[in-house]
Amino acid sequence: MILTKENIYSIDLPGLIDEKIKSTHTDELLIIVPTNRKLRAVKKEIIDLSPGQTVAKINIETISTLSQKLLESIESFIPLSEAASSVLIKHASESVKLKYFVNYRGSIPNGTLDRIKNVISEYKRHGITPEKLLSETEKLEASEKIKAEDIAEIYFNYKKLTSKINALEIGDVYEKLLENDFTNSFYQNYAEVKNIVLLGFDQFSIPEIRIINKLSEIVGNKLYVDFDYYNSNSLIFSHLEETYSLLEQYGFIK
């Protein structure tokens, strides 16, 4: 199913991509894919289909790499490494008066801290702040409530520590990017792009949908999402309904 905000009856995405490749106008096309593996595969396909198997410029990004590139044109930051994040999450936990994780002798084990760090990274990617997490704890039962409160406090300290050194992970990049009008940044990086195509996705976080919506506005709604969802088969695709509904709320139609 193809979703777009453009007021058209239908769109032949394979035909659009093929036309750009064969006319050697791949610089007019930006393709966004979910993973680096998919990026490499699509890039190889384009090169194989190109006249003489040579392409002057191929614009293929993941949402993460695209967001980082756009933000880099607006402000400077340090990508947060795994090693640095492990050190910072440990420091963040040490200054919290723990209630759920208090049973550990000494500090929280590294394995548990890594899991907490991964949970916090997912919260960031979905636009969930420490404050929002704390407010949601009121709906939880006793043990889950104090567990979430501990994580929220660690998250709050962790965010302060990363901010001090201006180190960002992808959820932070989304947040910073959405605080800015990144139109000029897009033109700086993709001056020739007229069409944006998203391939291979089955769901997005809310910040990702907001970024996609802004990208659509920048290219005059000539953005197309090849979304792996069919509402006629709700048993299989029911877990994707929320993402599809959110896209609809932002004006995307099939």
Protein backbone atom coordinates (compact mmCIF):
# COMPACT_ATOMS: atom_id res chain seq x y z
CA MET A 1 0.00 0.00 0.00
CA ILE A 2 1.38 3.41 -1.03
CA LEU A 3 0.60 6.44 1.11
CA THR A 4 1.13 10.06 0.09
CA LYS A 5 -0.17 13.57 0.79
CA GLU A 6 -0.12 14.38 -2.92
CA ASN A 7 -3.58 14.74 -4.48
CA ILE A 8 -3.26 11.97 -7.07
CA TYR A 9 -5.29 8.89 -7.95
CA SER A 10 -2.33 6.47 -8.09
CA ILE A 11 1.44 6.34 -8.39
CA ASP A 12 3.69 3.80 -10.11
CA LEU A 13 6.65 3.78 -7.73
CA PRO A 14 8.73 1.14 -9.56
CA GLY A 15 8.11 3.12 -12.76
CA LEU A 16 9.13 6.40 -11.12
CA ILE A 17 12.36 4.89 -9.77
CA ASP A 18 13.12 3.15 -13.07
CA GLU A 19 12.59 6.40 -15.03
CA LYS A 20 14.99 8.30 -12.76
CA ILE A 21 17.63 5.59 -13.13
CA LYS A 22 17.39 5.20 -16.91
CA SER A 23 17.33 8.94 -17.52
CA THR A 24 20.41 9.30 -15.23
CA HIS A 25 18.45 11.63 -12.95
CA THR A 26 18.96 9.68 -9.74
CA ASP A 27 20.05 12.93 -8.09
CA GLU A 28 16.37 13.99 -8.23
CA LEU A 29 15.33 11.04 -6.09
CA LEU A 30 15.84 10.41 -2.37
CA ILE A 31 15.16 6.86 -1.23
CA ILE A 32 14.72 6.17 2.50
CA VAL A 33 14.94 2.60 3.81
CA PRO A 34 14.64 1.06 7.31
CA THR A 35 18.08 -0.54 7.69
CA ASN A 36 21.67 -0.29 6.48
CA ARG A 37 21.33 -3.78 5.03
CA LYS A 38 18.36 -2.65 2.92
CA LEU A 39 20.34 0.47 1.96
CA ARG A 40 23.18 -1.62 0.54
CA ALA A 41 20.76 -3.89 -1.32
CA VAL A 42 18.83 -1.02 -2.94
CA LYS A 43 22.05 0.77 -3.85
CA LYS A 44 23.31 -2.36 -5.63
CA GLU A 45 19.99 -2.74 -7.48
CA ILE A 46 20.17 0.85 -8.73
CA ILE A 47 23.76 0.46 -9.93
CA ASP A 48 22.88 -2.81 -11.70
CA LEU A 49 19.96 -1.13 -13.49
CA SER A 50 21.86 2.01 -14.44
CA PRO A 51 23.18 2.58 -17.99
CA GLY A 52 26.72 1.25 -18.03
CA GLN A 53 26.23 0.33 -14.36
CA THR A 54 27.52 3.74 -13.31
CA VAL A 55 25.64 6.36 -11.30
CA ALA A 56 26.87 9.89 -10.62
CA LYS A 57 24.91 10.26 -7.38
CA ILE A 58 22.59 7.99 -5.40
CA ASN A 59 20.62 9.49 -2.52
CA ILE A 60 19.78 6.56 -0.24
CA GLU A 61 19.45 7.00 3.52
CA THR A 62 17.91 5.44 6.58
CA ILE A 63 15.74 7.78 8.67
CA SER A 64 18.59 7.80 11.19
CA THR A 65 21.37 8.74 8.76
CA LEU A 66 19.15 11.30 7.05
CA SER A 67 18.20 12.94 10.37
CA GLN A 68 21.83 13.06 11.51
CA LYS A 69 22.91 14.62 8.21
CA LEU A 70 20.17 17.26 8.37
CA LEU A 71 20.96 18.16 11.99
CA GLU A 72 24.70 18.37 11.30
CA SER A 73 23.94 21.20 8.87
CA ILE A 74 22.12 23.08 11.67
CA GLU A 75 24.28 22.52 14.74
CA SER A 76 27.32 20.58 15.89
CA PHE A 77 27.06 17.53 18.15
CA ILE A 78 28.88 14.34 19.07
CA PRO A 79 27.28 11.01 18.14
CA LEU A 80 26.96 9.08 21.40
CA SER A 81 29.06 5.89 21.26
CA GLU A 82 28.16 2.61 22.96
CA ALA A 83 31.19 2.86 25.22
CA ALA A 84 30.36 6.40 26.33
CA SER A 85 26.68 5.60 26.87
CA SER A 86 27.60 2.63 29.11
CA VAL A 87 29.77 4.86 31.30
CA LEU A 88 27.16 7.62 31.47
CA ILE A 89 24.25 5.32 32.32
CA LYS A 90 26.31 3.96 35.22
CA HIS A 91 26.99 7.47 36.53
CA ALA A 92 23.33 8.39 36.04
CA SER A 93 22.15 5.44 38.15
CA GLU A 94 24.60 6.09 40.99
CA SER A 95 22.98 9.42 41.90
CA VAL A 96 19.44 8.01 42.09
CA LYS A 97 17.83 6.88 45.36
CA LEU A 98 16.66 3.55 44.00
CA LYS A 99 13.48 1.81 45.12
CA TYR A 100 13.04 -1.12 42.71
CA PHE A 101 16.72 -1.81 42.01
CA VAL A 102 17.72 -1.28 45.66
CA ASN A 103 18.13 -5.04 46.25
CA TYR A 104 21.39 -5.16 44.32
CA ARG A 105 24.46 -5.11 46.55
CA GLY A 106 26.53 -2.12 45.59
CA SER A 107 25.76 -0.81 42.11
CA ILE A 108 23.37 -2.17 39.49
CA PRO A 109 25.05 -4.95 37.43
CA ASN A 110 26.33 -3.93 34.00
CA GLY A 111 23.96 -6.31 32.21
CA THR A 112 20.94 -4.73 33.91
CA LEU A 113 22.26 -1.23 33.19
CA ASP A 114 22.63 -2.13 29.50
CA ARG A 115 19.00 -3.25 29.41
CA ILE A 116 17.92 -0.02 31.12
CA LYS A 117 19.99 1.97 28.61
CA ASN A 118 18.34 0.14 25.70
CA VAL A 119 14.88 0.85 27.13
CA ILE A 120 15.74 4.54 27.51
CA SER A 121 17.02 4.65 23.91
CA GLU A 122 13.68 3.27 22.73
CA TYR A 123 11.81 5.81 24.84
CA LYS A 124 13.83 8.55 23.15
CA ARG A 125 13.20 7.15 19.67
CA HIS A 126 9.47 7.22 20.37
CA GLY A 127 9.55 10.74 21.81
CA ILE A 128 8.85 9.67 25.41
CA THR A 129 10.52 12.06 27.87
CA PRO A 130 11.42 11.28 31.53
CA GLU A 131 8.57 13.57 32.59
CA LYS A 132 6.06 11.74 30.43
CA LEU A 133 7.30 8.39 31.71
CA LEU A 134 6.88 9.55 35.32
CA SER A 135 3.33 10.71 34.63
CA GLU A 136 2.49 7.33 33.12
CA THR A 137 3.67 5.46 36.25
CA GLU A 138 0.44 6.43 38.04
CA LYS A 139 -1.39 3.88 35.88
CA LEU A 140 0.88 0.99 36.93
CA GLU A 141 0.68 -1.58 39.70
CA ALA A 142 3.00 -1.34 42.74
CA SER A 143 6.20 -3.14 41.63
CA GLU A 144 5.96 -1.97 38.03
CA LYS A 145 5.33 1.56 39.26
CA ILE A 146 8.51 1.82 41.35
CA LYS A 147 10.50 0.11 38.59
CA ALA A 148 9.31 2.71 36.06
CA GLU A 149 10.03 5.50 38.58
CA ASP A 150 13.62 4.27 38.99
CA ILE A 151 14.09 4.13 35.20
CA ALA A 152 12.58 7.61 34.80
CA GLU A 153 14.99 9.06 37.36
CA ILE A 154 17.96 7.33 35.74
CA TYR A 155 16.73 8.56 32.35
CA PHE A 156 16.50 12.14 33.66
CA ASN A 157 20.10 12.05 35.00
CA TYR A 158 21.37 10.28 31.87
CA LYS A 159 19.86 12.98 29.65
CA LYS A 160 21.52 15.71 31.74
CA LEU A 161 24.92 14.01 31.47
CA THR A 162 24.71 13.53 27.70
CA SER A 163 23.54 17.13 27.25
CA LYS A 164 26.60 18.41 29.16
CA ILE A 165 28.94 16.89 26.58
CA ASN A 166 26.56 17.55 23.65
CA ALA A 167 26.42 13.83 22.81
CA LEU A 168 23.32 12.62 21.01
CA GLU A 169 21.83 9.25 20.16
CA ILE A 170 19.20 8.89 17.47
CA GLY A 171 16.21 9.78 19.68
CA ASP A 172 17.99 12.99 20.70
CA VAL A 173 18.72 13.74 17.04
CA TYR A 174 15.01 13.40 16.22
CA GLU A 175 14.11 15.73 19.10
CA LYS A 176 16.66 18.39 18.11
CA LEU A 177 15.76 18.18 14.43
CA LEU A 178 12.06 18.65 15.13
CA GLU A 179 12.84 21.72 17.23
CA ASN A 180 14.19 23.35 14.05
CA ASP A 181 12.84 24.20 10.62
CA PHE A 182 15.18 21.95 8.65
CA THR A 183 14.05 23.13 5.19
CA ASN A 184 17.30 24.95 4.44
CA SER A 185 19.33 22.05 5.74
CA PHE A 186 17.49 19.72 3.35
CA TYR A 187 18.18 22.00 0.39
CA GLN A 188 21.87 22.21 1.36
CA ASN A 189 22.17 18.42 1.27
CA TYR A 190 19.65 17.49 -1.42
CA ALA A 191 19.32 20.51 -3.69
CA GLU A 192 18.26 18.48 -6.73
CA VAL A 193 15.76 16.16 -5.02
CA LYS A 194 12.20 16.36 -6.34
CA ASN A 195 10.78 13.04 -5.12
CA ILE A 196 11.17 11.08 -1.88
CA VAL A 197 10.33 7.38 -1.67
CA LEU A 198 10.25 5.30 1.53
CA LEU A 199 10.67 1.59 0.87
CA GLY A 200 10.38 -1.50 3.08
CA PHE A 201 8.83 0.06 6.20
CA ASP A 202 6.07 -1.47 8.28
CA GLN A 203 5.97 1.03 11.15
CA PHE A 204 7.35 4.34 12.40
CA SER A 205 7.71 6.10 15.73
CA ILE A 206 5.81 9.36 16.23
CA PRO A 207 8.97 11.53 15.83
CA GLU A 208 9.75 9.66 12.60
CA ILE A 209 6.24 10.36 11.28
CA ARG A 210 6.66 14.05 12.13
CA ILE A 211 9.99 14.11 10.24
CA ILE A 212 8.41 12.34 7.26
CA ASN A 213 5.53 14.82 7.30
CA LYS A 214 7.95 17.77 7.20
CA LEU A 215 9.94 16.16 4.37
CA SER A 216 6.71 15.78 2.41
CA GLU A 217 5.99 19.50 2.80
CA ILE A 218 9.52 20.40 1.64
CA VAL A 219 9.14 18.50 -1.68
CA GLY A 220 5.61 19.70 -2.38
CA ASN A 221 4.07 16.44 -1.09
CA LYS A 222 5.89 14.37 -3.72
CA LEU A 223 6.79 11.89 -0.99
CA TYR A 224 5.53 8.31 -1.18
CA VAL A 225 5.52 5.68 1.57
CA ASP A 226 5.44 2.07 0.38
CA PHE A 227 3.86 0.84 3.60
CA ASP A 228 3.55 -2.90 4.29
CA TYR A 229 0.00 -2.80 5.64
CA TYR A 230 -3.33 -4.12 4.40
CA ASN A 231 -6.39 -3.30 6.51
CA SER A 232 -8.34 -6.14 4.89
CA ASN A 233 -6.19 -8.58 6.85
CA SER A 234 -6.43 -7.16 10.37
CA LEU A 235 -5.38 -10.43 12.04
CA ILE A 236 -1.89 -10.27 10.54
CA PHE A 237 -1.46 -6.49 10.39
CA SER A 238 -3.30 -5.41 13.55
CA HIS A 239 -0.03 -4.39 15.25
CA LEU A 240 0.54 -1.85 12.45
CA GLU A 241 -2.85 -0.19 12.67
CA GLU A 242 -1.67 2.51 15.09
CA THR A 243 1.12 3.61 12.73
CA TYR A 244 -1.25 3.61 9.75
CA SER A 245 -3.80 5.68 11.72
CA LEU A 246 -1.09 8.20 12.70
CA LEU A 247 -0.04 8.60 9.08
CA GLU A 248 -3.68 9.24 8.19
CA GLN A 249 -3.91 11.88 10.94
CA TYR A 250 -1.02 13.73 9.28
CA GLY A 251 -2.88 13.73 5.96
CA PHE A 252 -1.37 10.70 4.24
CA ILE A 253 -3.87 8.81 2.09
CA LYS A 254 -3.65 5.66 0.00
